[in-house]
Amino acid sequence: MAAITKSAPIQLDTAPCAVAPNGYPQGLDVLFIDPSGPSKITGLVAGEALANGDACYISSTGQVFRSTGAAANAAAKVDGFSLQDAGAGASVSLLSNCSLAYGSGLTPGTRYYLSGTVPGGLDTAPSAGGTQPIAMAVDARRVYVFQSRY
């Protein structure tokens, strides 16, 4: 297994597909790749420091934390990805079903799993809690991200 390294800036990818301005954070537009459109969950509060590109879950307290595949528990769920750095107590939005400029040197078609060693991170192999893919490499730098389905 190998952790996938994020390359700044992590952002919604707006090329080469059509975009629709929807008031997303940082003035970014969202791709309509998924037939149902991208998902955005707003009005959330970070329960810990979050980094741009972190896979996150909403806890039973309503706060957002970095997802981790270290164990098969609530923290192994992925409700979306943060597209901004946020300190504990700050407002945060989560996105899924969209393409993100995420890394470099990715292999198109490769499925990525929730990392069991890097909170909020992606890995090339399943982990104890991250048993199903949560992202797929579109090309060498972009990943299509989705919510966990387990």
C-alpha atoms as a PDB file:
ATOM      1  CA  MET A   1       0.000   0.000   0.000  1.00  0.00           C
ATOM      2  CA  ALA A   2       1.117   3.543  -0.672  1.00  0.00           C
ATOM      3  CA  ALA A   3      -0.252   6.821   0.627  1.00  0.00           C
ATOM      4  CA  ILE A   4      -1.133   9.355  -2.077  1.00  0.00           C
ATOM      5  CA  THR A   5       0.569  12.713  -1.577  1.00  0.00           C
ATOM      6  CA  LYS A   6      -1.563  15.811  -2.102  1.00  0.00           C
ATOM      7  CA  SER A   7      -0.098  18.560  -4.304  1.00  0.00           C
ATOM      8  CA  ALA A   8      -1.205  22.096  -3.525  1.00  0.00           C
ATOM      9  CA  PRO A   9      -3.484  23.661  -4.421  1.00  0.00           C
ATOM     10  CA  ILE A  10      -6.265  21.122  -4.044  1.00  0.00           C
ATOM     11  CA  GLN A  11      -9.219  22.516  -5.965  1.00  0.00           C
ATOM     12  CA  LEU A  12     -12.231  21.625  -8.009  1.00  0.00           C
ATOM     13  CA  ASP A  13     -11.171  20.857 -11.533  1.00  0.00           C
ATOM     14  CA  THR A  14     -12.999  22.983 -14.112  1.00  0.00           C
ATOM     15  CA  ALA A  15     -11.472  21.667 -17.335  1.00  0.00           C
ATOM     16  CA  PRO A  16     -12.195  20.230 -19.808  1.00  0.00           C
ATOM     17  CA  CYS A  17     -15.866  19.809 -18.851  1.00  0.00           C
ATOM     18  CA  ALA A  18     -18.638  22.368 -18.745  1.00  0.00           C
ATOM     19  CA  VAL A  19     -19.037  24.222 -15.467  1.00  0.00           C
ATOM     20  CA  ALA A  20     -21.869  25.890 -13.633  1.00  0.00           C
ATOM     21  CA  PRO A  21     -21.283  28.715 -11.152  1.00  0.00           C
ATOM     22  CA  ASN A  22     -22.876  27.637  -7.892  1.00  0.00           C
ATOM     23  CA  GLY A  23     -21.256  29.848  -5.268  1.00  0.00           C
ATOM     24  CA  TYR A  24     -18.761  27.233  -4.089  1.00  0.00           C
ATOM     25  CA  PRO A  25     -15.957  28.220  -1.690  1.00  0.00           C
ATOM     26  CA  GLN A  26     -13.100  30.334  -2.996  1.00  0.00           C
ATOM     27  CA  GLY A  27     -15.132  31.317  -6.072  1.00  0.00           C
ATOM     28  CA  LEU A  28     -14.629  27.912  -7.665  1.00  0.00           C
ATOM     29  CA  ASP A  29     -17.077  26.349 -10.064  1.00  0.00           C
ATOM     30  CA  VAL A  30     -18.157  22.716  -9.942  1.00  0.00           C
ATOM     31  CA  LEU A  31     -18.074  20.134 -12.700  1.00  0.00           C
ATOM     32  CA  PHE A  32     -21.200  18.295 -13.664  1.00  0.00           C
ATOM     33  CA  ILE A  33     -19.480  14.930 -14.086  1.00  0.00           C
ATOM     34  CA  ASP A  34     -21.885  12.867 -12.027  1.00  0.00           C
ATOM     35  CA  PRO A  35     -25.351  12.765 -13.661  1.00  0.00           C
ATOM     36  CA  SER A  36     -26.865  13.786 -10.331  1.00  0.00           C
ATOM     37  CA  GLY A  37     -24.342  16.629 -10.033  1.00  0.00           C
ATOM     38  CA  PRO A  38     -21.791  17.312  -7.327  1.00  0.00           C
ATOM     39  CA  SER A  39     -22.836  17.160  -3.704  1.00  0.00           C
ATOM     40  CA  LYS A  40     -22.130  19.980  -1.284  1.00  0.00           C
ATOM     41  CA  ILE A  41     -22.868  19.881   2.441  1.00  0.00           C
ATOM     42  CA  THR A  42     -22.698  23.338   4.034  1.00  0.00           C
ATOM     43  CA  GLY A  43     -23.241  24.838   7.479  1.00  0.00           C
ATOM     44  CA  LEU A  44     -20.819  22.452   9.190  1.00  0.00           C
ATOM     45  CA  VAL A  45     -18.288  23.083  11.966  1.00  0.00           C
ATOM     46  CA  ALA A  46     -14.803  21.549  12.072  1.00  0.00           C
ATOM     47  CA  GLY A  47     -14.191  19.450  15.188  1.00  0.00           C
ATOM     48  CA  GLU A  48     -10.435  19.500  14.558  1.00  0.00           C
ATOM     49  CA  ALA A  49      -8.004  21.180  12.185  1.00  0.00           C
ATOM     50  CA  LEU A  50      -8.791  20.147   8.605  1.00  0.00           C
ATOM     51  CA  ALA A  51      -6.567  20.544   5.568  1.00  0.00           C
ATOM     52  CA  ASN A  52      -7.591  21.261   2.015  1.00  0.00           C
ATOM     53  CA  GLY A  53      -8.316  17.898   0.342  1.00  0.00           C
ATOM     54  CA  ASP A  54      -8.962  15.898   3.522  1.00  0.00           C
ATOM     55  CA  ALA A  55     -11.537  13.105   3.385  1.00  0.00           C
ATOM     56  CA  CYS A  56     -13.963  13.867   6.228  1.00  0.00           C
ATOM     57  CA  TYR A  57     -16.947  12.501   8.137  1.00  0.00           C
ATOM     58  CA  ILE A  58     -19.681  14.147  10.158  1.00  0.00           C
ATOM     59  CA  SER A  59     -19.653  12.788  13.711  1.00  0.00           C
ATOM     60  CA  SER A  60     -22.672  12.107  15.918  1.00  0.00           C
ATOM     61  CA  THR A  61     -22.019  15.533  17.504  1.00  0.00           C
ATOM     62  CA  GLY A  62     -22.503  17.200  14.118  1.00  0.00           C
ATOM     63  CA  GLN A  63     -18.861  18.255  13.869  1.00  0.00           C
ATOM     64  CA  VAL A  64     -16.545  17.388  10.982  1.00  0.00           C
ATOM     65  CA  PHE A  65     -13.430  15.278  11.521  1.00  0.00           C
ATOM     66  CA  ARG A  66     -10.825  13.719   9.225  1.00  0.00           C
ATOM     67  CA  SER A  67     -11.852  10.215   8.202  1.00  0.00           C
ATOM     68  CA  THR A  68      -9.455   7.369   8.969  1.00  0.00           C
ATOM     69  CA  GLY A  69      -9.406   3.764   7.888  1.00  0.00           C
ATOM     70  CA  ALA A  70      -7.444   2.638  10.959  1.00  0.00           C
ATOM     71  CA  ALA A  71     -10.506   0.780  12.299  1.00  0.00           C
ATOM     72  CA  ALA A  72     -13.956  -0.200  11.045  1.00  0.00           C
ATOM     73  CA  ASN A  73     -15.883   2.453  12.990  1.00  0.00           C
ATOM     74  CA  ALA A  74     -17.735   5.743  12.406  1.00  0.00           C
ATOM     75  CA  ALA A  75     -14.465   7.533  11.554  1.00  0.00           C
ATOM     76  CA  ALA A  76     -14.024   5.203   8.561  1.00  0.00           C
ATOM     77  CA  LYS A  77     -16.982   6.792   6.746  1.00  0.00           C
ATOM     78  CA  VAL A  78     -16.391   9.511   4.165  1.00  0.00           C
ATOM     79  CA  ASP A  79     -19.147  12.109   3.899  1.00  0.00           C
ATOM     80  CA  GLY A  80     -17.138  14.435   1.664  1.00  0.00           C
ATOM     81  CA  PHE A  81     -13.864  16.244   1.084  1.00  0.00           C
ATOM     82  CA  SER A  82     -12.857  19.596   2.566  1.00  0.00           C
ATOM     83  CA  LEU A  83     -11.729  22.150   0.002  1.00  0.00           C
ATOM     84  CA  GLN A  84     -10.341  24.597   2.501  1.00  0.00           C
ATOM     85  CA  ASP A  85      -8.091  24.592   5.524  1.00  0.00           C
ATOM     86  CA  ALA A  86     -10.213  25.018   8.656  1.00  0.00           C
ATOM     87  CA  GLY A  87      -9.261  25.219  12.312  1.00  0.00           C
ATOM     88  CA  ALA A  88     -11.299  23.568  15.040  1.00  0.00           C
ATOM     89  CA  GLY A  89     -14.558  25.500  15.445  1.00  0.00           C
ATOM     90  CA  ALA A  90     -14.394  27.067  11.962  1.00  0.00           C
ATOM     91  CA  SER A  91     -17.139  26.654   9.383  1.00  0.00           C
ATOM     92  CA  VAL A  92     -16.497  24.091   6.669  1.00  0.00           C
ATOM     93  CA  SER A  93     -18.228  22.647   3.599  1.00  0.00           C
ATOM     94  CA  LEU A  94     -17.786  19.136   2.231  1.00  0.00           C
ATOM     95  CA  LEU A  95     -17.960  18.154  -1.432  1.00  0.00           C
ATOM     96  CA  SER A  96     -18.248  14.809  -3.210  1.00  0.00           C
ATOM     97  CA  ASN A  97     -19.170  13.426  -6.632  1.00  0.00           C
ATOM     98  CA  CYS A  98     -16.732  15.775  -8.347  1.00  0.00           C
ATOM     99  CA  SER A  99     -13.268  15.874  -9.842  1.00  0.00           C
ATOM    100  CA  LEU A 100     -10.429  17.455  -7.851  1.00  0.00           C
ATOM    101  CA  ALA A 101      -6.962  18.519  -8.928  1.00  0.00           C
ATOM    102  CA  TYR A 102      -5.317  16.444  -6.192  1.00  0.00           C
ATOM    103  CA  GLY A 103      -1.853  15.075  -6.866  1.00  0.00           C
ATOM    104  CA  SER A 104       0.724  14.281  -9.511  1.00  0.00           C
ATOM    105  CA  GLY A 105       1.942  11.103 -11.128  1.00  0.00           C
ATOM    106  CA  LEU A 106      -1.386   9.327 -10.557  1.00  0.00           C
ATOM    107  CA  THR A 107      -2.263   6.316 -12.720  1.00  0.00           C
ATOM    108  CA  PRO A 108      -5.566   6.804 -14.576  1.00  0.00           C
ATOM    109  CA  GLY A 109      -8.234   4.306 -13.540  1.00  0.00           C
ATOM    110  CA  THR A 110      -6.593   3.476 -10.214  1.00  0.00           C
ATOM    111  CA  ARG A 111      -9.057   3.246  -7.322  1.00  0.00           C
ATOM    112  CA  TYR A 112      -8.055   4.851  -4.020  1.00  0.00           C
ATOM    113  CA  TYR A 113      -9.131   3.919  -0.515  1.00  0.00           C
ATOM    114  CA  LEU A 114      -9.302   5.696   2.814  1.00  0.00           C
ATOM    115  CA  SER A 115      -5.846   5.568   4.375  1.00  0.00           C
ATOM    116  CA  GLY A 116      -5.394   3.643   7.611  1.00  0.00           C
ATOM    117  CA  THR A 117      -2.241   5.619   8.466  1.00  0.00           C
ATOM    118  CA  VAL A 118      -2.818   9.188   7.198  1.00  0.00           C
ATOM    119  CA  PRO A 119      -6.020  10.735   8.627  1.00  0.00           C
ATOM    120  CA  GLY A 120      -8.019  12.287   5.785  1.00  0.00           C
ATOM    121  CA  GLY A 121      -5.709  10.721   3.214  1.00  0.00           C
ATOM    122  CA  LEU A 122      -6.008   8.343   0.286  1.00  0.00           C
ATOM    123  CA  ASP A 123      -4.139   5.082  -0.247  1.00  0.00           C
ATOM    124  CA  THR A 124      -3.698   2.587  -3.051  1.00  0.00           C
ATOM    125  CA  ALA A 125      -4.808  -0.356  -0.884  1.00  0.00           C
ATOM    126  CA  PRO A 126      -7.818  -1.026   1.352  1.00  0.00           C
ATOM    127  CA  SER A 127      -7.446  -0.463   5.092  1.00  0.00           C
ATOM    128  CA  ALA A 128      -9.235  -2.030   8.058  1.00  0.00           C
ATOM    129  CA  GLY A 129     -11.926   0.650   7.879  1.00  0.00           C
ATOM    130  CA  GLY A 130     -11.550   1.777   4.278  1.00  0.00           C
ATOM    131  CA  THR A 131     -12.585  -1.375   2.471  1.00  0.00           C
ATOM    132  CA  GLN A 132     -14.132   0.181  -0.643  1.00  0.00           C
ATOM    133  CA  PRO A 133     -12.779   2.858  -3.017  1.00  0.00           C
ATOM    134  CA  ILE A 134     -13.598   6.506  -2.309  1.00  0.00           C
ATOM    135  CA  ALA A 135     -11.751   8.012  -5.283  1.00  0.00           C
ATOM    136  CA  MET A 136     -10.542   7.163  -8.759  1.00  0.00           C
ATOM    137  CA  ALA A 137      -7.678   8.697 -10.749  1.00  0.00           C
ATOM    138  CA  VAL A 138      -9.026  10.431 -13.846  1.00  0.00           C
ATOM    139  CA  ASP A 139      -5.567  11.291 -15.148  1.00  0.00           C
ATOM    140  CA  ALA A 140      -2.087  12.007 -13.746  1.00  0.00           C
ATOM    141  CA  ARG A 141      -3.302  14.829 -11.467  1.00  0.00           C
ATOM    142  CA  ARG A 142      -7.083  14.581 -11.025  1.00  0.00           C
ATOM    143  CA  VAL A 143      -9.189  12.285  -8.852  1.00  0.00           C
ATOM    144  CA  TYR A 144     -12.936  11.827  -8.932  1.00  0.00           C
ATOM    145  CA  VAL A 145     -14.088  11.661  -5.292  1.00  0.00           C
ATOM    146  CA  PHE A 146     -17.256  10.215  -3.820  1.00  0.00           C
ATOM    147  CA  GLN A 147     -18.785   9.390  -0.448  1.00  0.00           C
ATOM    148  CA  SER A 148     -18.134   6.007   1.099  1.00  0.00           C
ATOM    149  CA  ARG A 149     -20.706   3.409   0.141  1.00  0.00           C
ATOM    150  CA  TYR A 150     -20.098   0.991   3.005  1.00  0.00           C
END
